[in-house]
Amino acid sequence: MTKPSHTCYTVRPRGEGNKAFWARIGSAWVNHDGSFNVSLDAMPLDGKIVLRLRKDNENDGADQPEATEAVA
């Protein structure tokens, strides 16, 4: 199997003045036609998933990234 191109997160606010909590919930792959295959280990409570391009040295979501694109 090929390495995933994106990591899936659910992002939950922690209240005013606090950084949001990013929880890794799966991986995604880009198909030849530009569509995605998504494999989730958990479902987000609010129904929103944030996809981030994986970095070559990414450690399964250990870092807290900033949002680049959201998929509902």
N, C-alpha and C. Protein backbone atom coordinates (compact mmCIF):
# COMPACT_ATOMS: atom_id res chain seq x y z
N MET A 1 0.84 -1.18 0.00
CA MET A 1 0.00 0.00 0.00
C MET A 1 0.89 1.24 0.00
N THR A 2 0.44 2.27 -0.69
CA THR A 2 1.21 3.52 -0.73
C THR A 2 1.03 4.30 0.57
N LYS A 3 1.97 5.18 0.81
CA LYS A 3 1.92 6.03 1.99
C LYS A 3 0.80 7.06 1.82
N PRO A 4 0.03 7.36 2.87
CA PRO A 4 -1.02 8.37 2.75
C PRO A 4 -0.44 9.74 2.42
N SER A 5 -1.19 10.52 1.66
CA SER A 5 -0.75 11.87 1.29
C SER A 5 -1.23 12.92 2.30
N HIS A 6 -2.30 12.60 3.06
CA HIS A 6 -2.88 13.54 4.02
C HIS A 6 -3.13 12.83 5.35
N THR A 7 -3.19 13.64 6.41
CA THR A 7 -3.61 13.16 7.72
C THR A 7 -4.94 13.83 8.05
N CYS A 8 -5.86 13.07 8.64
CA CYS A 8 -7.19 13.57 9.00
C CYS A 8 -7.21 13.91 10.50
N TYR A 9 -7.79 15.06 10.82
CA TYR A 9 -7.89 15.52 12.20
C TYR A 9 -9.30 15.97 12.50
N THR A 10 -9.68 15.91 13.77
CA THR A 10 -10.83 16.64 14.28
C THR A 10 -10.25 17.72 15.18
N VAL A 11 -10.80 18.92 15.10
CA VAL A 11 -10.26 20.05 15.85
C VAL A 11 -11.36 20.57 16.78
N ARG A 12 -11.04 20.56 18.08
CA ARG A 12 -12.02 21.00 19.06
C ARG A 12 -11.49 22.22 19.82
N PRO A 13 -12.32 23.25 19.97
CA PRO A 13 -11.88 24.42 20.73
C PRO A 13 -11.77 24.08 22.21
N ARG A 14 -10.88 24.78 22.89
CA ARG A 14 -10.68 24.57 24.34
C ARG A 14 -11.13 25.77 25.15
N GLY A 15 -11.82 26.68 24.53
CA GLY A 15 -12.27 27.88 25.24
C GLY A 15 -11.44 29.08 24.85
N GLU A 16 -11.96 30.23 25.18
CA GLU A 16 -11.32 31.49 24.80
C GLU A 16 -9.92 31.60 25.40
N GLY A 17 -8.97 31.99 24.57
CA GLY A 17 -7.60 32.17 25.00
C GLY A 17 -6.77 30.90 24.99
N ASN A 18 -7.37 29.76 24.69
CA ASN A 18 -6.64 28.50 24.64
C ASN A 18 -6.55 27.99 23.21
N LYS A 19 -5.46 27.31 22.89
CA LYS A 19 -5.32 26.73 21.56
C LYS A 19 -6.27 25.55 21.40
N ALA A 20 -6.72 25.34 20.17
CA ALA A 20 -7.62 24.22 19.88
C ALA A 20 -6.87 22.89 20.04
N PHE A 21 -7.62 21.84 20.32
CA PHE A 21 -7.06 20.50 20.44
C PHE A 21 -7.20 19.77 19.12
N TRP A 22 -6.09 19.31 18.54
CA TRP A 22 -6.08 18.58 17.27
C TRP A 22 -5.91 17.10 17.57
N ALA A 23 -6.88 16.29 17.21
CA ALA A 23 -6.79 14.85 17.41
C ALA A 23 -6.71 14.16 16.06
N ARG A 24 -5.68 13.34 15.86
CA ARG A 24 -5.53 12.59 14.62
C ARG A 24 -6.58 11.49 14.59
N ILE A 25 -7.36 11.43 13.50
CA ILE A 25 -8.42 10.43 13.42
C ILE A 25 -8.31 9.54 12.18
N GLY A 26 -7.30 9.75 11.33
CA GLY A 26 -7.17 8.88 10.17
C GLY A 26 -6.19 9.40 9.14
N SER A 27 -6.27 8.78 7.95
CA SER A 27 -5.38 9.12 6.84
C SER A 27 -6.18 9.19 5.55
N ALA A 28 -5.59 9.87 4.55
CA ALA A 28 -6.25 10.00 3.25
C ALA A 28 -5.23 9.91 2.13
N TRP A 29 -5.68 9.42 0.98
CA TRP A 29 -4.86 9.26 -0.21
C TRP A 29 -5.54 9.96 -1.36
N VAL A 30 -4.76 10.62 -2.23
CA VAL A 30 -5.31 11.27 -3.42
C VAL A 30 -5.29 10.25 -4.55
N ASN A 31 -6.42 10.12 -5.25
CA ASN A 31 -6.51 9.24 -6.41
C ASN A 31 -6.01 9.95 -7.66
N HIS A 32 -5.82 9.20 -8.73
CA HIS A 32 -5.33 9.77 -9.99
C HIS A 32 -6.26 10.85 -10.54
N ASP A 33 -7.56 10.78 -10.24
CA ASP A 33 -8.51 11.77 -10.76
C ASP A 33 -8.70 12.95 -9.81
N GLY A 34 -7.92 13.01 -8.73
CA GLY A 34 -8.01 14.12 -7.79
C GLY A 34 -8.96 13.89 -6.63
N SER A 35 -9.72 12.81 -6.65
CA SER A 35 -10.61 12.48 -5.53
C SER A 35 -9.79 11.85 -4.40
N PHE A 36 -10.43 11.62 -3.25
CA PHE A 36 -9.74 11.09 -2.08
C PHE A 36 -10.31 9.75 -1.65
N ASN A 37 -9.46 8.90 -1.11
CA ASN A 37 -9.86 7.74 -0.31
C ASN A 37 -9.50 8.11 1.12
N VAL A 38 -10.44 7.96 2.05
CA VAL A 38 -10.23 8.34 3.44
C VAL A 38 -10.45 7.12 4.32
N SER A 39 -9.52 6.88 5.24
CA SER A 39 -9.64 5.80 6.20
C SER A 39 -9.63 6.42 7.59
N LEU A 40 -10.77 6.33 8.30
CA LEU A 40 -10.89 6.94 9.62
C LEU A 40 -10.82 5.89 10.72
N ASP A 41 -10.12 6.23 11.80
CA ASP A 41 -10.04 5.40 12.99
C ASP A 41 -11.07 5.84 14.02
N ALA A 42 -11.61 7.06 13.86
CA ALA A 42 -12.61 7.63 14.76
C ALA A 42 -13.45 8.62 13.98
N MET A 43 -14.63 8.94 14.49
CA MET A 43 -15.51 9.92 13.85
C MET A 43 -15.49 11.20 14.67
N PRO A 44 -15.45 12.35 14.01
CA PRO A 44 -15.49 13.61 14.75
C PRO A 44 -16.90 13.84 15.31
N LEU A 45 -16.99 14.42 16.50
CA LEU A 45 -18.28 14.67 17.13
C LEU A 45 -19.10 15.72 16.39
N ASP A 46 -18.43 16.70 15.77
CA ASP A 46 -19.14 17.77 15.09
C ASP A 46 -19.32 17.51 13.59
N GLY A 47 -18.82 16.38 13.08
CA GLY A 47 -18.97 16.05 11.67
C GLY A 47 -17.96 16.71 10.76
N LYS A 48 -17.02 17.48 11.30
CA LYS A 48 -16.02 18.17 10.48
C LYS A 48 -14.68 17.46 10.56
N ILE A 49 -14.03 17.36 9.40
CA ILE A 49 -12.71 16.74 9.30
C ILE A 49 -11.77 17.73 8.64
N VAL A 50 -10.58 17.88 9.20
CA VAL A 50 -9.56 18.74 8.61
C VAL A 50 -8.51 17.82 8.00
N LEU A 51 -8.19 18.05 6.70
CA LEU A 51 -7.15 17.29 6.02
C LEU A 51 -5.90 18.16 5.92
N ARG A 52 -4.76 17.58 6.30
CA ARG A 52 -3.48 18.27 6.19
C ARG A 52 -2.56 17.43 5.35
N LEU A 53 -1.82 18.08 4.44
CA LEU A 53 -0.78 17.37 3.71
C LEU A 53 0.23 16.82 4.70
N ARG A 54 0.60 15.58 4.52
CA ARG A 54 1.61 14.98 5.39
C ARG A 54 2.99 15.53 5.05
N LYS A 55 3.82 15.66 6.05
CA LYS A 55 5.22 16.03 5.86
C LYS A 55 6.01 14.74 5.80
N ASP A 56 7.15 14.76 5.14
CA ASP A 56 7.99 13.57 5.03
C ASP A 56 8.36 13.00 6.39
N ASN A 57 8.53 13.88 7.37
CA ASN A 57 8.96 13.45 8.71
C ASN A 57 7.81 13.43 9.71
N GLU A 58 6.58 13.44 9.24
CA GLU A 58 5.43 13.51 10.14
C GLU A 58 5.37 12.28 11.04
N ASN A 59 5.07 12.52 12.31
CA ASN A 59 5.02 11.46 13.31
C ASN A 59 3.58 11.19 13.74
N ASP A 60 2.74 10.77 12.79
CA ASP A 60 1.35 10.39 13.07
C ASP A 60 0.57 11.42 13.87
N GLY A 61 0.73 12.70 13.53
CA GLY A 61 -0.08 13.73 14.15
C GLY A 61 0.40 14.21 15.50
N ALA A 62 1.63 13.92 15.86
CA ALA A 62 2.13 14.35 17.16
C ALA A 62 2.22 15.86 17.25
N ASP A 63 2.43 16.55 16.13
CA ASP A 63 2.49 18.01 16.13
C ASP A 63 1.09 18.58 16.06
N GLN A 64 0.92 19.82 16.45
CA GLN A 64 -0.37 20.49 16.33
C GLN A 64 -0.31 21.43 15.15
N PRO A 65 -0.84 21.03 13.99
CA PRO A 65 -0.75 21.86 12.77
C PRO A 65 -1.81 22.94 12.74
N GLU A 66 -1.70 23.79 11.74
CA GLU A 66 -2.71 24.79 11.46
C GLU A 66 -3.56 24.29 10.30
N ALA A 67 -4.84 24.66 10.26
CA ALA A 67 -5.76 24.17 9.23
C ALA A 67 -5.38 24.70 7.86
N THR A 68 -5.50 23.85 6.83
CA THR A 68 -5.29 24.29 5.46
C THR A 68 -6.54 24.10 4.62
N GLU A 69 -7.27 23.00 4.84
CA GLU A 69 -8.51 22.81 4.13
C GLU A 69 -9.43 21.96 4.97
N ALA A 70 -10.71 22.23 4.89
CA ALA A 70 -11.69 21.48 5.68
C ALA A 70 -12.66 20.78 4.74
N VAL A 71 -13.07 19.60 5.15
CA VAL A 71 -14.03 18.82 4.40
C VAL A 71 -15.20 18.52 5.33
N ALA A 72 -16.40 18.78 4.87
CA ALA A 72 -17.56 18.52 5.73
C ALA A 72 -18.18 17.19 5.39
